[in-house]
Structures are given as C-alpha cells and as structure tokens.
Amino acid sequence: MESSERLALLDTLRGFALCGVFISNVMVWFSGRVFLPREQVLTAMNNASLADTVT
C-alpha cells in the first residue's frame, strides 16, 4: 500500500469523525436546552430514559 493511499484513508476517517462531532453539537445548539433553567434541566435528566442517558 502506498503512503498516499494510507493518508487518504486516514483523512476520510477523520472527516467522518468530525462530521459526527458536528452533528451532535448542532443537535445540542439548536435544541434550546441552553436556555432552560438549571432546575428544569436537572429534572429532565433525572426523568430521562436509559437510552437518553446513555446517548
């Protein structure tokens, strides 16, 4: 395998990783959770399902 092929593969993997980080950040930024009072956020976190807690 040539070194240029390996670098292209690594760049592709980095691109997918950055895309995942971007998508998760966009979901947080536009969900409105930033503007909720602290008590409401804590209540929502305590009542969250296991799937929500894990993700």
Protein backbone atom coordinates (compact mmCIF):
# COMPACT_ATOMS: atom_id res chain seq x y z
CA MET A 1 0.00 0.00 0.00
CA GLU A 2 1.38 3.39 -0.93
CA SER A 3 1.69 6.12 1.65
CA SER A 4 -0.65 8.43 -0.28
CA GLU A 5 -3.43 5.81 -0.14
CA ARG A 6 -2.99 5.46 3.59
CA LEU A 7 -3.19 9.22 4.13
CA ALA A 8 -6.36 9.43 2.05
CA LEU A 9 -7.92 6.69 4.19
CA LEU A 10 -6.96 8.48 7.41
CA ASP A 11 -8.31 11.77 6.08
CA THR A 12 -11.60 10.06 5.23
CA LEU A 13 -11.87 8.56 8.71
CA ARG A 14 -11.11 11.94 10.28
CA GLY A 15 -13.80 13.50 8.10
CA PHE A 16 -16.42 11.02 9.31
CA ALA A 17 -15.38 11.61 12.91
CA LEU A 18 -15.62 15.38 12.53
CA CYS A 19 -19.00 15.01 10.84
CA GLY A 20 -20.27 13.04 13.84
CA VAL A 21 -18.99 15.66 16.27
CA PHE A 22 -20.58 18.42 14.20
CA ILE A 23 -23.96 16.68 14.05
CA SER A 24 -24.04 16.05 17.80
CA ASN A 25 -23.09 19.66 18.52
CA VAL A 26 -25.75 21.01 16.15
CA MET A 27 -28.38 18.94 17.96
CA VAL A 28 -27.34 20.47 21.30
CA TRP A 29 -27.03 24.02 19.95
CA PHE A 30 -30.46 24.10 18.32
CA SER A 31 -32.39 22.04 20.86
CA GLY A 32 -32.92 25.03 23.17
CA ARG A 33 -31.53 23.24 26.22
CA VAL A 34 -29.00 26.02 26.71
CA PHE A 35 -31.80 28.44 27.60
CA LEU A 36 -33.57 26.21 30.14
CA PRO A 37 -33.28 26.97 33.86
CA ARG A 38 -30.92 24.65 35.77
CA GLU A 39 -33.73 23.09 37.80
CA GLN A 40 -35.63 22.14 34.66
CA VAL A 41 -32.52 20.56 33.10
CA LEU A 42 -31.83 18.52 36.24
CA THR A 43 -35.45 17.35 36.36
CA ALA A 44 -35.33 16.33 32.71
CA MET A 45 -32.06 14.45 33.26
CA ASN A 46 -33.46 12.61 36.29
CA ASN A 47 -36.60 11.56 34.36
CA ALA A 48 -34.70 10.55 31.19
CA SER A 49 -34.89 7.02 29.84
CA LEU A 50 -31.85 4.76 29.85
CA ALA A 51 -31.35 5.31 26.10
CA ASP A 52 -31.37 9.08 26.57
CA THR A 53 -28.94 8.84 29.46
CA VAL A 54 -26.51 6.66 27.50
CA THR A 55 -26.56 8.85 24.41
